[in-house]
Amino acid sequence: MPASTSARRLGKVPEMIDTGILWDPERIGTAAYEHVGIDVALATFRDRRVEMVTELAGLDGIGFNARQVASIRTTGEPGDQLGERVLALHDAVVRLEGLVADGIFGLTRFATDSLHLIAARHDPTEAGRFRGEGRRQGGEVLHMDNGGVHRASSPGDRGYQLRAEFHEAVAFLETRPKIEQGLTYQRIASRRRFTFECSASVAELMESGIRLAAGWGH
């Protein structure tokens, strides 16, 4: 796919440049995955649910450890606002498992919106919506952990630009093997910041869903 010659590769992160995506499949890191079938992959994923929720919480800046997450999962009592967000992430993981088990998960707005609606339920006017589709605008500036700043696209009129970028990414990824689709979508979605809240965690959930629905285990 053509891409601007002025574009630069950023490690394992594919960049959408104009109408192209820089892509190096040998650097995307698929060696840790094994094709085991949907049932086995999903069972293993369920066994790792606490670990998964802990990782998602970390992506959203919530520093809970696995023991704290397991306690919230067992009791159903979050205790405070951060605990409520962790419980929402747990429920989003359960939703993902259900979508995969029912055979209705895909690289679609239905899937990402369904997961975001639960994960970001603490932000009800924006949950289940891309940036620009709710009441808020902007949100394109991302402050990185290393102190750097990344600027994603402005959402456009009622989120038009981000919807276009999502569909462009999907159209490209559908030409790639499933295991590559998930890993690459996670990176694209994290940098595009499709949503205000839970952008990184929902991108990670989508990666897992694409992989699981194709029978790839970790």
Protein backbone atom coordinates (compact mmCIF):
# COMPACT_ATOMS: atom_id res chain seq x y z
CA MET A 1 0.00 0.00 0.00
CA PRO A 2 1.54 3.39 -0.92
CA ALA A 3 2.77 5.66 1.84
CA SER A 4 4.46 9.03 2.07
CA THR A 5 8.23 8.80 1.68
CA SER A 6 8.57 11.38 4.44
CA ALA A 7 6.87 9.08 6.93
CA ARG A 8 9.02 7.49 9.61
CA ARG A 9 8.75 4.06 11.20
CA LEU A 10 8.16 4.09 14.95
CA GLY A 11 9.24 0.68 16.20
CA LYS A 12 6.36 -1.77 16.03
CA VAL A 13 3.73 0.93 15.52
CA PRO A 14 2.15 1.04 12.05
CA GLU A 15 1.41 4.61 11.02
CA MET A 16 -1.50 5.67 8.85
CA ILE A 17 -0.01 8.18 6.40
CA ASP A 18 -2.39 9.80 3.91
CA THR A 19 -3.95 6.76 2.19
CA GLY A 20 -1.33 4.24 3.29
CA ILE A 21 -0.09 2.37 6.33
CA LEU A 22 3.58 1.64 6.88
CA TRP A 23 3.72 -2.02 7.68
CA ASP A 24 6.45 -4.52 8.53
CA PRO A 25 4.84 -7.87 9.46
CA GLU A 26 8.15 -9.28 10.66
CA ARG A 27 8.26 -6.67 13.44
CA ILE A 28 4.74 -7.02 14.78
CA GLY A 29 5.59 -9.85 17.18
CA THR A 30 3.36 -12.88 16.51
CA ALA A 31 5.79 -15.53 17.81
CA ALA A 32 4.19 -15.62 21.27
CA TYR A 33 0.84 -16.80 19.86
CA GLU A 34 -0.35 -20.27 18.86
CA HIS A 35 -3.39 -21.31 16.85
CA VAL A 36 -5.30 -23.58 19.24
CA GLY A 37 -8.93 -23.07 18.22
CA ILE A 38 -11.58 -20.77 19.67
CA ASP A 39 -12.67 -22.97 22.59
CA VAL A 40 -9.15 -23.51 23.94
CA ALA A 41 -8.09 -19.91 23.34
CA LEU A 42 -11.20 -18.59 25.08
CA ALA A 43 -10.82 -20.97 28.04
CA THR A 44 -7.23 -19.86 28.55
CA PHE A 45 -8.26 -16.22 28.30
CA ARG A 46 -10.96 -16.73 30.95
CA ASP A 47 -8.41 -18.33 33.27
CA ARG A 48 -6.30 -15.17 32.92
CA ARG A 49 -9.17 -12.75 33.53
CA VAL A 50 -7.73 -11.15 36.67
CA GLU A 51 -4.39 -10.68 34.96
CA MET A 52 -6.12 -9.18 31.94
CA VAL A 53 -8.15 -6.71 34.01
CA THR A 54 -5.02 -5.70 35.92
CA GLU A 55 -3.24 -4.99 32.64
CA LEU A 56 -6.20 -2.99 31.30
CA ALA A 57 -6.37 -0.94 34.49
CA GLY A 58 -2.68 -0.13 34.12
CA LEU A 59 -3.24 1.04 30.55
CA ASP A 60 -5.89 3.42 31.85
CA GLY A 61 -3.58 4.74 34.57
CA ILE A 62 -5.10 2.78 37.47
CA GLY A 63 -2.34 1.19 39.52
CA PHE A 64 -4.23 -1.72 41.08
CA ASN A 65 -2.39 -5.01 41.59
CA ALA A 66 -3.81 -8.45 40.82
CA ARG A 67 -4.85 -9.07 44.44
CA GLN A 68 -6.89 -5.86 44.53
CA VAL A 69 -8.52 -6.72 41.20
CA ALA A 70 -9.32 -10.25 42.38
CA SER A 71 -10.95 -8.86 45.53
CA ILE A 72 -13.18 -6.52 43.53
CA ARG A 73 -14.07 -9.35 41.17
CA THR A 74 -14.95 -11.71 44.05
CA THR A 75 -16.93 -9.31 46.23
CA GLY A 76 -18.38 -7.06 43.55
CA GLU A 77 -17.66 -4.16 45.89
CA PRO A 78 -15.40 -1.55 44.24
CA GLY A 79 -15.01 0.67 47.30
CA ASP A 80 -14.24 3.92 45.46
CA GLN A 81 -14.30 5.54 42.01
CA LEU A 82 -11.13 3.81 40.85
CA GLY A 83 -12.55 0.51 42.01
CA GLU A 84 -15.71 1.26 40.03
CA ARG A 85 -13.59 1.73 36.92
CA VAL A 86 -11.77 -1.55 37.54
CA LEU A 87 -15.11 -3.33 37.94
CA ALA A 88 -16.26 -1.78 34.66
CA LEU A 89 -13.13 -3.11 32.93
CA HIS A 90 -13.86 -6.54 34.38
CA ASP A 91 -17.40 -6.39 33.02
CA ALA A 92 -16.06 -5.31 29.62
CA VAL A 93 -13.80 -8.38 29.58
CA VAL A 94 -16.81 -10.58 30.35
CA ARG A 95 -18.71 -8.88 27.52
CA LEU A 96 -15.83 -9.57 25.16
CA GLU A 97 -15.83 -13.25 26.12
CA GLY A 98 -19.55 -13.40 25.42
CA LEU A 99 -19.23 -11.79 22.00
CA VAL A 100 -16.53 -14.27 21.01
CA ALA A 101 -18.38 -17.28 22.44
CA ASP A 102 -21.55 -16.27 20.57
CA GLY A 103 -19.64 -15.91 17.31
CA ILE A 104 -20.58 -12.26 16.82
CA PHE A 105 -17.29 -10.52 17.53
CA GLY A 106 -15.63 -8.70 14.64
CA LEU A 107 -13.50 -5.71 13.76
CA THR A 108 -16.57 -3.47 13.76
CA ARG A 109 -18.00 -0.39 15.41
CA PHE A 110 -20.56 -2.65 17.06
CA ALA A 111 -17.80 -4.52 18.89
CA THR A 112 -15.70 -1.54 19.93
CA ASP A 113 -18.74 0.52 20.93
CA SER A 114 -20.18 -2.38 22.95
CA LEU A 115 -16.93 -2.76 24.89
CA HIS A 116 -16.43 0.98 25.35
CA LEU A 117 -20.01 1.44 26.56
CA ILE A 118 -19.17 -0.79 29.53
CA ALA A 119 -15.52 0.12 30.13
CA ALA A 120 -16.24 3.88 30.11
CA ARG A 121 -19.61 3.83 31.84
CA HIS A 122 -18.22 6.35 34.37
CA ASP A 123 -18.41 8.87 31.48
CA PRO A 124 -22.01 8.29 30.34
CA THR A 125 -22.25 11.09 27.75
CA GLU A 126 -19.24 9.69 25.86
CA ALA A 127 -19.41 5.95 26.57
CA GLY A 128 -19.95 3.93 23.40
CA ARG A 129 -19.03 6.87 21.18
CA PHE A 130 -15.98 8.03 19.29
CA ARG A 131 -14.56 11.45 20.10
CA GLY A 132 -16.80 14.10 18.58
CA GLU A 133 -19.92 11.94 18.54
CA GLY A 134 -20.98 12.93 22.06
CA ARG A 135 -21.01 16.29 23.79
CA ARG A 136 -17.27 16.89 23.94
CA GLN A 137 -14.84 17.87 21.20
CA GLY A 138 -11.06 17.83 20.92
CA GLY A 139 -9.01 15.29 22.85
CA GLU A 140 -6.37 14.89 20.17
CA VAL A 141 -3.35 15.69 22.39
CA LEU A 142 -1.89 12.67 24.18
CA HIS A 143 0.75 13.02 26.88
CA MET A 144 3.02 9.98 26.73
CA ASP A 145 4.55 8.17 29.72
CA ASN A 146 8.02 9.22 28.55
CA GLY A 147 7.08 12.89 28.72
CA GLY A 148 6.48 13.26 24.99
CA VAL A 149 3.34 14.50 23.30
CA HIS A 150 1.46 12.78 20.49
CA ARG A 151 -1.22 14.57 18.51
CA ALA A 152 -4.00 12.42 17.09
CA SER A 153 -6.52 13.69 14.54
CA SER A 154 -9.21 16.15 15.49
CA PRO A 155 -12.54 14.32 15.48
CA GLY A 156 -14.08 16.41 12.72
CA ASP A 157 -17.75 17.30 12.44
CA ARG A 158 -19.61 14.95 14.80
CA GLY A 159 -16.66 12.56 14.69
CA TYR A 160 -16.56 12.26 10.90
CA GLN A 161 -12.75 12.21 10.66
CA LEU A 162 -12.30 9.46 13.22
CA ARG A 163 -15.02 7.33 11.65
CA ALA A 164 -13.24 7.69 8.32
CA GLU A 165 -9.92 6.68 9.88
CA PHE A 166 -11.51 3.68 11.57
CA HIS A 167 -13.07 2.41 8.33
CA GLU A 168 -9.83 3.04 6.44
CA ALA A 169 -7.92 1.00 8.99
CA VAL A 170 -10.47 -1.82 8.89
CA ALA A 171 -10.39 -1.94 5.09
CA PHE A 172 -6.62 -2.33 5.15
CA LEU A 173 -6.48 -4.81 8.03
CA GLU A 174 -9.04 -7.10 6.41
CA THR A 175 -6.39 -7.85 3.78
CA ARG A 176 -4.02 -9.17 6.46
CA PRO A 177 -3.94 -12.46 8.44
CA LYS A 178 -6.13 -12.44 11.56
CA ILE A 179 -3.24 -12.56 14.02
CA GLU A 180 -1.76 -9.47 12.41
CA GLN A 181 -5.14 -7.72 12.32
CA GLY A 182 -5.54 -7.69 16.08
CA LEU A 183 -2.03 -6.67 16.99
CA THR A 184 -1.97 -3.91 14.41
CA TYR A 185 -5.43 -2.57 15.24
CA GLN A 186 -4.38 -2.26 18.88
CA ARG A 187 -1.50 -0.03 17.89
CA ILE A 188 -3.48 2.03 15.39
CA ALA A 189 -6.39 2.59 17.78
CA SER A 190 -4.11 3.58 20.65
CA ARG A 191 -2.48 6.27 18.53
CA ARG A 192 -5.67 7.44 16.82
CA ARG A 193 -7.35 7.78 20.24
CA PHE A 194 -10.82 7.03 18.94
CA THR A 195 -12.38 7.68 22.37
CA PHE A 196 -11.83 10.10 25.25
CA GLU A 197 -11.76 7.51 28.03
CA CYS A 198 -10.45 3.94 27.99
CA SER A 199 -8.94 4.33 24.54
CA ALA A 200 -5.92 2.11 25.31
CA SER A 201 -7.85 -0.53 27.25
CA VAL A 202 -10.57 -0.90 24.62
CA ALA A 203 -7.91 -1.12 21.89
CA GLU A 204 -6.35 -3.97 23.89
CA LEU A 205 -9.73 -5.68 24.26
CA MET A 206 -10.31 -5.43 20.52
CA GLU A 207 -6.90 -6.99 19.87
CA SER A 208 -7.80 -9.87 22.18
CA GLY A 209 -11.21 -10.32 20.57
CA ILE A 210 -9.86 -10.46 17.03
CA ARG A 211 -7.24 -12.98 18.09
CA LEU A 212 -9.63 -15.15 20.13
CA ALA A 213 -12.33 -15.17 17.45
CA ALA A 214 -9.73 -16.58 15.06
CA GLY A 215 -8.59 -19.23 17.56
CA TRP A 216 -5.22 -17.77 18.50
CA GLY A 217 -4.09 -18.36 22.07
CA HIS A 218 -1.42 -16.61 24.06
